[in-house]
N, C-alpha and C. Protein backbone atom coordinates (compact mmCIF):
# COMPACT_ATOMS: atom_id res chain seq x y z
N MET A 1 76.76 43.50 156.82
CA MET A 1 78.06 44.06 157.10
C MET A 1 78.83 43.09 157.97
N GLU A 2 80.14 43.20 157.91
CA GLU A 2 80.97 42.27 158.66
C GLU A 2 80.73 42.40 160.17
N ASP A 3 80.70 41.25 160.84
CA ASP A 3 80.38 41.26 162.27
C ASP A 3 81.49 41.88 163.12
N ARG A 4 82.63 42.21 162.51
CA ARG A 4 83.71 42.86 163.27
C ARG A 4 83.41 44.34 163.55
N PHE A 5 82.43 44.90 162.85
CA PHE A 5 82.05 46.27 163.16
C PHE A 5 81.41 46.30 164.54
N PRO A 6 81.73 47.30 165.34
CA PRO A 6 81.13 47.38 166.68
C PRO A 6 79.60 47.45 166.62
N ALA A 7 78.96 46.97 167.65
CA ALA A 7 77.50 47.00 167.73
C ALA A 7 76.98 48.43 167.57
N SER A 8 77.74 49.41 168.05
CA SER A 8 77.29 50.80 167.93
C SER A 8 77.24 51.26 166.47
N VAL A 9 78.18 50.78 165.65
CA VAL A 9 78.18 51.13 164.22
C VAL A 9 77.02 50.44 163.53
N GLN A 10 76.79 49.17 163.86
CA GLN A 10 75.66 48.45 163.28
C GLN A 10 74.34 49.13 163.64
N ALA A 11 74.22 49.56 164.89
CA ALA A 11 73.00 50.25 165.33
C ALA A 11 72.83 51.58 164.60
N ALA A 12 73.93 52.29 164.39
CA ALA A 12 73.85 53.58 163.68
C ALA A 12 73.38 53.37 162.25
N MET A 13 73.83 52.29 161.61
CA MET A 13 73.38 52.00 160.25
C MET A 13 71.89 51.67 160.24
N ARG A 14 71.44 50.91 161.22
CA ARG A 14 70.00 50.60 161.32
C ARG A 14 69.19 51.88 161.54
N ASP A 15 69.71 52.76 162.40
CA ASP A 15 69.02 54.03 162.67
C ASP A 15 68.88 54.88 161.42
N ARG A 16 69.79 54.70 160.47
CA ARG A 16 69.73 55.44 159.20
C ARG A 16 68.84 54.76 158.18
N GLY A 17 68.21 53.65 158.58
CA GLY A 17 67.26 52.99 157.69
C GLY A 17 67.81 51.80 156.92
N HIS A 18 69.05 51.40 157.19
CA HIS A 18 69.64 50.27 156.47
C HIS A 18 69.28 48.96 157.15
N ASP A 19 69.05 47.93 156.35
CA ASP A 19 68.89 46.58 156.88
C ASP A 19 70.30 46.05 157.12
N VAL A 20 70.58 45.63 158.32
CA VAL A 20 71.92 45.16 158.67
C VAL A 20 71.87 43.67 158.99
N LEU A 21 72.71 42.92 158.30
CA LEU A 21 72.84 41.49 158.56
C LEU A 21 74.31 41.20 158.83
N PRO A 22 74.68 41.00 160.11
CA PRO A 22 76.09 40.72 160.42
C PRO A 22 76.55 39.41 159.77
N MET A 23 77.72 39.45 159.13
CA MET A 23 78.28 38.27 158.45
C MET A 23 79.74 38.12 158.85
N LYS A 24 80.27 36.91 158.75
CA LYS A 24 81.66 36.65 159.09
C LYS A 24 82.61 37.43 158.18
N HIS A 25 82.33 37.44 156.89
CA HIS A 25 83.13 38.20 155.93
C HIS A 25 82.29 38.51 154.71
N VAL A 26 82.67 39.53 154.02
CA VAL A 26 81.98 39.93 152.79
C VAL A 26 82.94 39.67 151.64
N GLY A 27 82.50 38.92 150.65
CA GLY A 27 83.36 38.59 149.53
C GLY A 27 83.33 39.64 148.44
N GLY A 28 84.41 39.75 147.74
CA GLY A 28 84.48 40.68 146.62
C GLY A 28 84.93 42.06 147.05
N GLY A 29 85.48 42.76 146.09
CA GLY A 29 85.91 44.12 146.36
C GLY A 29 84.79 45.10 146.09
N MET A 30 84.72 46.11 146.88
CA MET A 30 83.66 47.11 146.71
C MET A 30 84.29 48.47 146.50
N ASN A 31 83.68 49.27 145.66
CA ASN A 31 84.12 50.64 145.42
C ASN A 31 82.91 51.55 145.56
N ALA A 32 83.18 52.81 145.84
CA ALA A 32 82.08 53.76 145.97
C ALA A 32 82.55 55.14 145.53
N ILE A 33 81.63 55.90 145.01
CA ILE A 33 81.89 57.30 144.67
C ILE A 33 80.81 58.14 145.33
N ARG A 34 81.24 59.13 146.09
CA ARG A 34 80.31 60.07 146.74
C ARG A 34 80.23 61.32 145.86
N PHE A 35 79.01 61.77 145.60
CA PHE A 35 78.78 62.99 144.83
C PHE A 35 78.41 64.09 145.81
N TRP A 36 79.27 65.09 145.94
CA TRP A 36 79.03 66.20 146.83
C TRP A 36 78.11 67.22 146.16
N PRO A 37 77.37 68.04 146.94
CA PRO A 37 76.42 69.01 146.38
C PRO A 37 77.07 69.98 145.38
N ASP A 38 78.37 70.27 145.54
CA ASP A 38 79.02 71.20 144.63
C ASP A 38 79.52 70.53 143.35
N GLY A 39 79.22 69.23 143.18
CA GLY A 39 79.62 68.51 141.99
C GLY A 39 80.93 67.74 142.13
N GLU A 40 81.64 67.97 143.24
CA GLU A 40 82.89 67.25 143.46
C GLU A 40 82.59 65.78 143.72
N MET A 41 83.49 64.90 143.28
CA MET A 41 83.34 63.46 143.51
C MET A 41 84.48 62.97 144.39
N GLU A 42 84.18 62.04 145.29
CA GLU A 42 85.18 61.46 146.19
C GLU A 42 85.08 59.95 146.08
N GLY A 43 86.19 59.27 145.85
CA GLY A 43 86.17 57.83 145.66
C GLY A 43 86.84 57.08 146.78
N ALA A 44 86.43 55.82 146.94
CA ALA A 44 87.02 54.93 147.93
C ALA A 44 87.01 53.52 147.37
N ALA A 45 88.03 52.73 147.71
CA ALA A 45 88.13 51.34 147.24
C ALA A 45 88.37 50.42 148.42
N CYS A 46 87.86 49.22 148.32
CA CYS A 46 88.07 48.19 149.34
C CYS A 46 89.54 47.81 149.36
N TRP A 47 90.14 47.78 150.51
CA TRP A 47 91.56 47.47 150.64
C TRP A 47 91.88 46.02 150.32
N ARG A 48 90.87 45.16 150.25
CA ARG A 48 91.11 43.74 149.99
C ARG A 48 91.20 43.39 148.51
N ALA A 49 90.81 44.29 147.66
CA ALA A 49 90.78 44.00 146.23
C ALA A 49 91.67 45.02 145.50
N ASP A 50 91.78 44.83 144.22
CA ASP A 50 92.63 45.73 143.45
C ASP A 50 91.81 46.81 142.73
N GLY A 51 90.60 47.06 143.18
CA GLY A 51 89.73 48.04 142.54
C GLY A 51 90.22 49.47 142.75
N THR A 52 89.82 50.31 141.84
CA THR A 52 90.15 51.73 141.92
C THR A 52 88.90 52.52 141.56
N PRO A 53 88.37 53.34 142.47
CA PRO A 53 87.20 54.14 142.13
C PRO A 53 87.62 55.31 141.23
N ILE A 54 86.85 55.54 140.21
CA ILE A 54 87.14 56.64 139.30
C ILE A 54 85.85 57.41 139.05
N GLY A 55 85.93 58.70 139.16
CA GLY A 55 84.79 59.56 138.84
C GLY A 55 85.18 60.50 137.71
N ILE A 56 84.44 60.44 136.63
CA ILE A 56 84.72 61.31 135.50
C ILE A 56 83.46 62.12 135.24
N GLY A 57 83.60 63.40 135.24
CA GLY A 57 82.44 64.25 135.02
C GLY A 57 82.64 65.16 133.82
N GLY A 58 81.60 65.31 133.05
CA GLY A 58 81.67 66.19 131.90
C GLY A 58 80.64 67.29 132.00
N GLY A 59 80.08 67.46 133.16
CA GLY A 59 79.05 68.48 133.32
C GLY A 59 77.67 67.92 133.08
N LEU A 60 76.70 68.74 133.29
CA LEU A 60 75.31 68.33 133.10
C LEU A 60 74.95 68.33 131.62
N ALA A 61 74.08 67.42 131.24
CA ALA A 61 73.64 67.36 129.85
C ALA A 61 72.68 68.52 129.55
N ARG A 62 72.70 68.94 128.31
CA ARG A 62 71.76 69.98 127.89
C ARG A 62 70.35 69.38 127.81
N ARG A 63 69.36 70.19 127.98
CA ARG A 63 67.97 69.76 127.89
C ARG A 63 67.74 69.05 126.56
N GLY A 64 67.10 67.90 126.62
CA GLY A 64 66.79 67.13 125.42
C GLY A 64 67.87 66.14 125.01
N VAL A 65 69.04 66.21 125.62
CA VAL A 65 70.12 65.28 125.29
C VAL A 65 69.87 63.98 126.04
N ARG A 66 69.96 62.87 125.32
CA ARG A 66 69.74 61.56 125.93
C ARG A 66 70.97 60.70 125.74
N PHE A 67 71.30 59.91 126.71
CA PHE A 67 72.45 59.02 126.64
C PHE A 67 71.97 57.59 126.58
N ASN A 68 71.40 57.22 125.45
CA ASN A 68 70.90 55.87 125.26
C ASN A 68 71.34 55.39 123.88
N PRO A 69 72.21 54.38 123.82
CA PRO A 69 72.71 53.93 122.52
C PRO A 69 71.69 53.16 121.70
N ASP A 70 70.56 52.82 122.24
CA ASP A 70 69.53 52.06 121.52
C ASP A 70 68.78 52.99 120.57
N PRO A 71 68.94 52.79 119.26
CA PRO A 71 68.26 53.67 118.28
C PRO A 71 66.75 53.71 118.44
N ALA A 72 66.16 52.61 118.94
CA ALA A 72 64.70 52.57 119.09
C ALA A 72 64.23 53.52 120.18
N GLN A 73 65.11 53.94 121.06
CA GLN A 73 64.74 54.82 122.17
C GLN A 73 65.04 56.28 121.88
N ARG A 74 65.47 56.63 120.69
CA ARG A 74 65.83 58.01 120.38
C ARG A 74 64.64 58.83 119.99
């Protein structure tokens, strides 16, 4: 994570089990989608890039339905 984050934030991330390596800057844009227990999705995008997080949900698959385009895996 960027070294501009306060030491307290870095320590909190370590306390949550993350490996933290302070860096001068992180390249590339990052996006994330949080899945809430009720099925709602929340998106966030890095302000440095032009990314846009999108969450599209169609509900849970029925039992036995597989999402694999490889015919050998059907």
